C-alpha atoms as a PDB file:
ATOM      1  CA  MET A   1     -55.329  28.908 -42.867  1.00  0.00           C
ATOM      2  CA  SER A   2     -58.859  30.580 -43.335  1.00  0.00           C
ATOM      3  CA  SER A   3     -62.174  29.896 -45.040  1.00  0.00           C
ATOM      4  CA  PHE A   4     -65.651  31.882 -45.564  1.00  0.00           C
ATOM      5  CA  VAL A   5     -68.342  31.172 -42.956  1.00  0.00           C
ATOM      6  CA  ASN A   6     -71.646  32.276 -43.783  1.00  0.00           C
ATOM      7  CA  GLY A   7     -69.549  35.008 -46.134  1.00  0.00           C
ATOM      8  CA  VAL A   8     -67.319  36.264 -43.491  1.00  0.00           C
ATOM      9  CA  PRO A   9     -64.027  35.018 -43.954  1.00  0.00           C
ATOM     10  CA  GLY A  10     -62.859  33.537 -40.601  1.00  0.00           C
ATOM     11  CA  LEU A  11     -61.066  29.936 -39.271  1.00  0.00           C
ATOM     12  CA  ILE A  12     -61.802  26.524 -40.422  1.00  0.00           C
ATOM     13  CA  PRO A  13     -63.581  24.715 -37.400  1.00  0.00           C
ATOM     14  CA  GLY A  14     -61.165  23.272 -35.205  1.00  0.00           C
ATOM     15  CA  ALA A  15     -58.033  24.417 -36.861  1.00  0.00           C
ATOM     16  CA  ALA A  16     -56.907  26.427 -33.548  1.00  0.00           C
ATOM     17  CA  GLY A  17     -57.228  23.055 -31.850  1.00  0.00           C
ATOM     18  CA  PHE A  18     -55.692  21.052 -34.478  1.00  0.00           C
ATOM     19  CA  SER A  19     -52.596  23.274 -34.392  1.00  0.00           C
ATOM     20  CA  LEU A  20     -52.468  23.352 -30.873  1.00  0.00           C
ATOM     21  CA  LYS A  21     -52.493  19.840 -30.934  1.00  0.00           C
ATOM     22  CA  ARG A  22     -49.921  19.759 -33.351  1.00  0.00           C
ATOM     23  CA  LYS A  23     -47.531  22.323 -31.304  1.00  0.00           C
ATOM     24  CA  SER A  24     -47.934  20.053 -28.196  1.00  0.00           C
ATOM     25  CA  ASN A  25     -47.187  16.832 -29.859  1.00  0.00           C
ATOM     26  CA  SER A  26     -44.077  18.330 -31.245  1.00  0.00           C
ATOM     27  CA  ARG A  27     -43.258  19.841 -27.770  1.00  0.00           C
ATOM     28  CA  ARG A  28     -43.846  16.416 -26.229  1.00  0.00           C
ATOM     29  CA  ARG A  29     -41.726  14.729 -28.642  1.00  0.00           C
ATOM     30  CA  PHE A  30     -38.837  16.880 -28.446  1.00  0.00           C
ATOM     31  CA  LEU A  31     -38.657  17.069 -24.428  1.00  0.00           C
ATOM     32  CA  THR A  32     -38.923  12.932 -24.510  1.00  0.00           C
ATOM     33  CA  THR A  33     -35.865  13.050 -27.072  1.00  0.00           C
ATOM     34  CA  ALA A  34     -34.329  15.499 -24.867  1.00  0.00           C
ATOM     35  CA  THR A  35     -34.690  13.538 -21.879  1.00  0.00           C
ATOM     36  CA  SER A  36     -33.749  10.235 -23.308  1.00  0.00           C
ATOM     37  CA  VAL A  37     -30.261  11.910 -25.003  1.00  0.00           C
ATOM     38  CA  ALA A  38     -29.936  13.601 -21.011  1.00  0.00           C
ATOM     39  CA  GLY A  39     -30.406  10.110 -19.777  1.00  0.00           C
ATOM     40  CA  ILE A  40     -28.086   8.843 -22.096  1.00  0.00           C
ATOM     41  CA  LEU A  41     -25.477  11.379 -21.095  1.00  0.00           C
ATOM     42  CA  GLY A  42     -26.660  11.197 -17.587  1.00  0.00           C
ATOM     43  CA  ALA A  43     -25.626   7.512 -17.729  1.00  0.00           C
ATOM     44  CA  GLY A  44     -22.420   8.012 -19.561  1.00  0.00           C
ATOM     45  CA  THR A  45     -21.017  10.372 -16.981  1.00  0.00           C
ATOM     46  CA  ILE A  46     -22.257   7.970 -13.967  1.00  0.00           C
ATOM     47  CA  THR A  47     -20.835   4.596 -16.012  1.00  0.00           C
ATOM     48  CA  TYR A  48     -17.265   6.050 -17.106  1.00  0.00           C
ATOM     49  CA  PRO A  49     -16.029   6.569 -13.562  1.00  0.00           C
ATOM     50  CA  PHE A  50     -17.482   3.159 -12.445  1.00  0.00           C
ATOM     51  CA  MET A  51     -15.845   1.471 -15.702  1.00  0.00           C
ATOM     52  CA  ALA A  52     -12.703   3.686 -15.389  1.00  0.00           C
ATOM     53  CA  SER A  53     -12.489   2.050 -11.486  1.00  0.00           C
ATOM     54  CA  MET A  54     -12.592  -1.375 -12.845  1.00  0.00           C
ATOM     55  CA  THR A  55      -9.780  -0.586 -14.993  1.00  0.00           C
ATOM     56  CA  PRO A  56      -6.309  -0.953 -12.524  1.00  0.00           C
ATOM     57  CA  SER A  57      -4.440   2.471 -13.248  1.00  0.00           C
ATOM     58  CA  HIS A  58      -0.737   2.530 -14.279  1.00  0.00           C
ATOM     59  CA  ARG A  59      -0.047   3.425 -10.893  1.00  0.00           C
ATOM     60  CA  ALA A  60      -2.298   0.676  -9.141  1.00  0.00           C
ATOM     61  CA  ARG A  61      -0.326  -1.755 -11.588  1.00  0.00           C
ATOM     62  CA  ALA A  62       3.196  -0.757 -10.738  1.00  0.00           C
ATOM     63  CA  ARG A  63       2.106  -0.525  -6.916  1.00  0.00           C
ATOM     64  CA  GLY A  64       2.263  -4.108  -6.615  1.00  0.00           C
ATOM     65  CA  GLY A  65       5.678  -5.071  -8.541  1.00  0.00           C
ATOM     66  CA  PRO A  66       9.115  -4.849  -7.340  1.00  0.00           C
ATOM     67  CA  VAL A  67      11.029  -1.802  -5.941  1.00  0.00           C
ATOM     68  CA  THR A  68      14.655  -1.406  -6.595  1.00  0.00           C
ATOM     69  CA  VAL A  69      16.675   0.724  -4.364  1.00  0.00           C
ATOM     70  CA  ASN A  70      20.299   1.763  -4.577  1.00  0.00           C
ATOM     71  CA  LEU A  71      21.930   1.547  -1.035  1.00  0.00           C
ATOM     72  CA  ALA A  72      25.658   2.991  -2.303  1.00  0.00           C
ATOM     73  CA  LYS A  73      24.985   6.223  -0.069  1.00  0.00           C
ATOM     74  CA  LEU A  74      23.655   5.120   2.498  1.00  0.00           C
ATOM     75  CA  GLU A  75      26.015   4.884   5.467  1.00  0.00           C
ATOM     76  CA  PRO A  76      26.555   2.459   8.390  1.00  0.00           C
ATOM     77  CA  GLY A  77      24.333   2.826  11.288  1.00  0.00           C
ATOM     78  CA  GLN A  78      21.555   4.602   8.937  1.00  0.00           C
ATOM     79  CA  GLN A  79      18.239   3.855   8.037  1.00  0.00           C
ATOM     80  CA  ILE A  80      15.656   4.062   5.192  1.00  0.00           C
ATOM     81  CA  THR A  81      12.039   3.681   4.477  1.00  0.00           C
ATOM     82  CA  VAL A  82      10.779   2.725   1.324  1.00  0.00           C
ATOM     83  CA  PRO A  83       7.224   1.940   0.043  1.00  0.00           C
ATOM     84  CA  TRP A  84       6.623  -1.546  -1.199  1.00  0.00           C
ATOM     85  CA  ARG A  85       2.633  -2.654  -1.667  1.00  0.00           C
ATOM     86  CA  ASP A  86       1.327   0.164   0.675  1.00  0.00           C
ATOM     87  CA  GLN A  87       3.683  -1.037   3.315  1.00  0.00           C
ATOM     88  CA  PRO A  88       7.031   0.538   5.077  1.00  0.00           C
ATOM     89  CA  VAL A  89       9.928  -1.509   4.187  1.00  0.00           C
ATOM     90  CA  TRP A  90      13.167  -0.603   6.292  1.00  0.00           C
ATOM     91  CA  LEU A  91      16.803  -0.752   4.801  1.00  0.00           C
ATOM     92  CA  LEU A  92      19.060  -0.900   7.460  1.00  0.00           C
ATOM     93  CA  ARG A  93      22.794  -0.879   6.763  1.00  0.00           C
ATOM     94  CA  ARG A  94      24.321  -2.473  10.199  1.00  0.00           C
ATOM     95  CA  THR A  95      27.738  -1.786  11.500  1.00  0.00           C
ATOM     96  CA  PRO A  96      30.269  -4.502  12.424  1.00  0.00           C
ATOM     97  CA  GLU A  97      29.568  -3.964  16.135  1.00  0.00           C
ATOM     98  CA  MET A  98      25.364  -4.233  15.190  1.00  0.00           C
ATOM     99  CA  VAL A  99      26.372  -7.313  13.502  1.00  0.00           C
ATOM    100  CA  HIS A 100      28.290  -8.875  16.614  1.00  0.00           C
ATOM    101  CA  LYS A 101      25.302  -8.186  18.770  1.00  0.00           C
ATOM    102  CA  LEU A 102      23.071 -10.156  16.972  1.00  0.00           C
ATOM    103  CA  SER A 103      25.261 -13.499  17.553  1.00  0.00           C
ATOM    104  CA  GLU A 104      25.830 -12.578  21.102  1.00  0.00           C
ATOM    105  CA  LYS A 105      24.714 -15.730  23.604  1.00  0.00           C
ATOM    106  CA  THR A 106      23.251 -13.704  25.801  1.00  0.00           C
ATOM    107  CA  LEU A 107      20.799 -12.160  23.366  1.00  0.00           C
ATOM    108  CA  THR A 108      19.363 -15.174  21.833  1.00  0.00           C
ATOM    109  CA  GLU A 109      18.286 -16.280  25.232  1.00  0.00           C
ATOM    110  CA  VAL A 110      15.896 -12.765  25.790  1.00  0.00           C
ATOM    111  CA  LEU A 111      14.327 -13.569  22.152  1.00  0.00           C
ATOM    112  CA  ARG A 112      10.970 -15.390  21.485  1.00  0.00           C
ATOM    113  CA  ASP A 113      12.642 -16.758  18.461  1.00  0.00           C
ATOM    114  CA  PRO A 114      16.352 -16.157  18.228  1.00  0.00           C
ATOM    115  CA  TYR A 115      16.711 -18.635  15.530  1.00  0.00           C
ATOM    116  CA  SER A 116      13.567 -17.713  12.985  1.00  0.00           C
ATOM    117  CA  ASN A 117      11.805 -21.332  13.548  1.00  0.00           C
ATOM    118  CA  ILE A 118       8.955 -19.845  12.635  1.00  0.00           C
ATOM    119  CA  GLU A 119       9.359 -20.043   8.444  1.00  0.00           C
ATOM    120  CA  SER A 120       6.456 -17.746   7.478  1.00  0.00           C
ATOM    121  CA  GLN A 121       8.260 -14.579   8.879  1.00  0.00           C
ATOM    122  CA  GLN A 122      11.233 -14.906   6.414  1.00  0.00           C
ATOM    123  CA  PRO A 123      12.195 -16.574   3.421  1.00  0.00           C
ATOM    124  CA  LEU A 124      14.779 -19.773   3.512  1.00  0.00           C
ATOM    125  CA  TYR A 125      17.659 -17.456   2.518  1.00  0.00           C
ATOM    126  CA  ALA A 126      17.069 -14.977   5.410  1.00  0.00           C
ATOM    127  CA  GLN A 127      16.846 -17.747   7.989  1.00  0.00           C
ATOM    128  CA  ASN A 128      19.686 -17.062  10.049  1.00  0.00           C
ATOM    129  CA  LEU A 129      20.985 -15.092  12.957  1.00  0.00           C
ATOM    130  CA  THR A 130      21.190 -12.098  11.123  1.00  0.00           C
ATOM    131  CA  ARG A 131      17.538 -12.664   8.926  1.00  0.00           C
ATOM    132  CA  SER A 132      19.383 -11.281   5.911  1.00  0.00           C
ATOM    133  CA  ILE A 133      20.953 -12.302   2.631  1.00  0.00           C
ATOM    134  CA  THR A 134      24.122 -10.577   3.664  1.00  0.00           C
ATOM    135  CA  ALA A 135      24.883  -9.426   7.423  1.00  0.00           C
ATOM    136  CA  GLU A 136      25.613  -5.882   6.623  1.00  0.00           C
ATOM    137  CA  TYR A 137      22.315  -4.881   4.776  1.00  0.00           C
ATOM    138  CA  PHE A 138      18.933  -5.749   6.596  1.00  0.00           C
ATOM    139  CA  VAL A 139      15.923  -5.418   4.433  1.00  0.00           C
ATOM    140  CA  VAL A 140      12.130  -6.061   6.768  1.00  0.00           C
ATOM    141  CA  LEU A 141       8.681  -4.721   6.862  1.00  0.00           C
ATOM    142  CA  GLY A 142       8.404  -1.723   9.421  1.00  0.00           C
ATOM    143  CA  LEU A 143       5.044  -3.372  10.848  1.00  0.00           C
ATOM    144  CA  CYS A 144       4.662  -4.614  14.607  1.00  0.00           C
ATOM    145  CA  THR A 145       3.392  -8.137  14.341  1.00  0.00           C
ATOM    146  CA  HIS A 146       1.211  -7.756  17.199  1.00  0.00           C
ATOM    147  CA  LEU A 147      -1.564  -4.999  15.824  1.00  0.00           C
ATOM    148  CA  GLY A 148       0.662  -3.500  12.677  1.00  0.00           C
ATOM    149  CA  CYS A 149       2.129  -0.385  14.198  1.00  0.00           C
ATOM    150  CA  VAL A 150       4.962   1.011  12.947  1.00  0.00           C
ATOM    151  CA  PRO A 151       7.704   0.367  15.501  1.00  0.00           C
ATOM    152  CA  ASN A 152      10.542   3.225  16.631  1.00  0.00           C
ATOM    153  CA  PHE A 153      14.172   2.802  15.476  1.00  0.00           C
ATOM    154  CA  HIS A 154      16.319   2.893  18.481  1.00  0.00           C
ATOM    155  CA  PRO A 155      19.751   1.633  17.343  1.00  0.00           C
ATOM    156  CA  GLN A 156      21.909   2.273  20.386  1.00  0.00           C
ATOM    157  CA  ALA A 157      22.337  -0.156  23.196  1.00  0.00           C
ATOM    158  CA  ALA A 158      21.135   1.674  26.826  1.00  0.00           C
ATOM    159  CA  ASP A 159      18.733   3.789  25.523  1.00  0.00           C
ATOM    160  CA  ALA A 160      17.798   5.546  28.611  1.00  0.00           C
ATOM    161  CA  ARG A 161      14.373   5.913  27.700  1.00  0.00           C
ATOM    162  CA  LEU A 162      13.939   2.132  27.002  1.00  0.00           C
ATOM    163  CA  GLY A 163      16.169   0.930  30.221  1.00  0.00           C
ATOM    164  CA  SER A 164      19.874  -0.368  30.732  1.00  0.00           C
ATOM    165  CA  ASP A 165      18.736  -3.718  29.130  1.00  0.00           C
ATOM    166  CA  TRP A 166      17.987  -2.257  25.765  1.00  0.00           C
ATOM    167  CA  MET A 167      19.985  -4.030  23.506  1.00  0.00           C
ATOM    168  CA  GLY A 168      19.575  -1.761  19.887  1.00  0.00           C
ATOM    169  CA  GLY A 169      16.740  -2.104  17.753  1.00  0.00           C
ATOM    170  CA  TYR A 170      12.956  -1.112  17.430  1.00  0.00           C
ATOM    171  CA  PHE A 171      10.260  -0.313  19.867  1.00  0.00           C
ATOM    172  CA  CYS A 172       6.749  -0.420  19.566  1.00  0.00           C
ATOM    173  CA  PRO A 173       5.029   2.610  20.791  1.00  0.00           C
ATOM    174  CA  CYS A 174       1.664   1.463  20.622  1.00  0.00           C
ATOM    175  CA  HIS A 175       1.913  -1.616  22.822  1.00  0.00           C
ATOM    176  CA  GLY A 176       5.421  -1.671  24.130  1.00  0.00           C
ATOM    177  CA  SER A 177       6.992  -4.688  21.734  1.00  0.00           C
ATOM    178  CA  LYS A 178      10.206  -4.605  21.264  1.00  0.00           C
ATOM    179  CA  PHE A 179      12.895  -6.368  18.365  1.00  0.00           C
ATOM    180  CA  ASP A 180      16.537  -6.291  18.054  1.00  0.00           C
ATOM    181  CA  LEU A 181      18.278  -5.266  14.896  1.00  0.00           C
ATOM    182  CA  ALA A 182      17.623  -8.143  13.083  1.00  0.00           C
ATOM    183  CA  GLY A 183      13.666  -8.000  13.894  1.00  0.00           C
ATOM    184  CA  ARG A 184      13.750 -11.062  16.325  1.00  0.00           C
ATOM    185  CA  VAL A 185      10.950 -10.153  19.040  1.00  0.00           C
ATOM    186  CA  VAL A 186      11.914 -10.391  22.784  1.00  0.00           C
ATOM    187  CA  ARG A 187      10.301 -12.689  25.109  1.00  0.00           C
ATOM    188  CA  ASN A 188       7.403 -11.745  27.355  1.00  0.00           C
ATOM    189  CA  VAL A 189       5.869  -8.582  24.904  1.00  0.00           C
ATOM    190  CA  PRO A 190       2.642  -8.280  22.775  1.00  0.00           C
ATOM    191  CA  ALA A 191       4.334  -9.292  19.631  1.00  0.00           C
ATOM    192  CA  PRO A 192       3.809 -12.780  18.650  1.00  0.00           C
ATOM    193  CA  SER A 193       6.460 -13.120  16.347  1.00  0.00           C
ATOM    194  CA  ASN A 194       9.597 -11.638  14.555  1.00  0.00           C
ATOM    195  CA  LEU A 195       9.108  -9.000  11.884  1.00  0.00           C
ATOM    196  CA  VAL A 196       8.486 -10.277   8.498  1.00  0.00           C
ATOM    197  CA  VAL A 197      11.378 -10.176   5.992  1.00  0.00           C
ATOM    198  CA  PRO A 198      10.016  -9.586   2.637  1.00  0.00           C
ATOM    199  CA  PRO A 199      11.076 -11.503  -0.511  1.00  0.00           C
ATOM    200  CA  HIS A 200      13.716  -9.326  -1.885  1.00  0.00           C
ATOM    201  CA  ARG A 201      17.323  -9.666  -3.932  1.00  0.00           C
ATOM    202  CA  PHE A 202      20.646  -8.072  -4.628  1.00  0.00           C
ATOM    203  CA  LEU A 203      21.249  -7.053  -8.219  1.00  0.00           C
ATOM    204  CA  ASP A 204      24.835  -5.888  -7.082  1.00  0.00           C
ATOM    205  CA  SER A 205      26.687  -5.552  -3.656  1.00  0.00           C
ATOM    206  CA  HIS A 206      24.680  -2.232  -3.309  1.00  0.00           C
ATOM    207  CA  THR A 207      21.626  -2.379  -4.843  1.00  0.00           C
ATOM    208  CA  VAL A 208      18.248  -4.754  -3.437  1.00  0.00           C
ATOM    209  CA  GLU A 209      15.026  -5.302  -5.431  1.00  0.00           C
ATOM    210  CA  ILE A 210      12.316  -5.656  -3.092  1.00  0.00           C
ATOM    211  CA  GLY A 211       9.088  -7.978  -4.024  1.00  0.00           C
ATOM    212  CA  VAL A 212      11.627 -10.385  -6.050  1.00  0.00           C
ATOM    213  CA  HIS A 213      13.007 -13.638  -4.021  1.00  0.00           C
ATOM    214  CA  THR A 214      16.596 -14.754  -4.315  1.00  0.00           C
ATOM    215  CA  LYS A 215      17.543 -17.656  -6.332  1.00  0.00           C
ATOM    216  CA  LEU A 216      18.932 -20.580  -3.914  1.00  0.00           C
ATOM    217  CA  SER A 217      21.631 -22.461  -5.709  1.00  0.00           C
END
């Protein structure tokens, strides 16, 4: 944009400054808008994971649900571990000899709670000498009742590592607590109570569902 000043063509006074001002304002608006958009996008980037964390995932929802296990291929004397609510659950198929030992009077004399009188440690339908629905299958949380360590499975009696009086069962390596093959705690060890029997039921003779109580008739 030009004009004649004293007969000489030139710029209108103040035009250059006006043009620069317009460019500066436009640039400022652009930067402001860009910053706002970036802020919104940034907030979305931060907020989305936060909001997503507020919504339980499918895996998280399923984690608290019941777990079904088929025990048909489990051999007598064998034990498997399955996760339930982020805790190890042991499923032991006891032999007739194992079941017989659980009813021996000499064994009950060395146990702290041989008749499962502490009701919080098992459902009513497992409040018996075998602490189970059926004597053959034992379902129990694999966590020591002292400080939550995972005991080791030592099914053989008189284990050389545990002494001639070892009756077969579970030994906690953390602080030396001992439990028999029904999860009953031995006297004079740190663990205060028997291992916990979780709610469970049998859907058929070899299929157990952990996390659902058996209906008492």
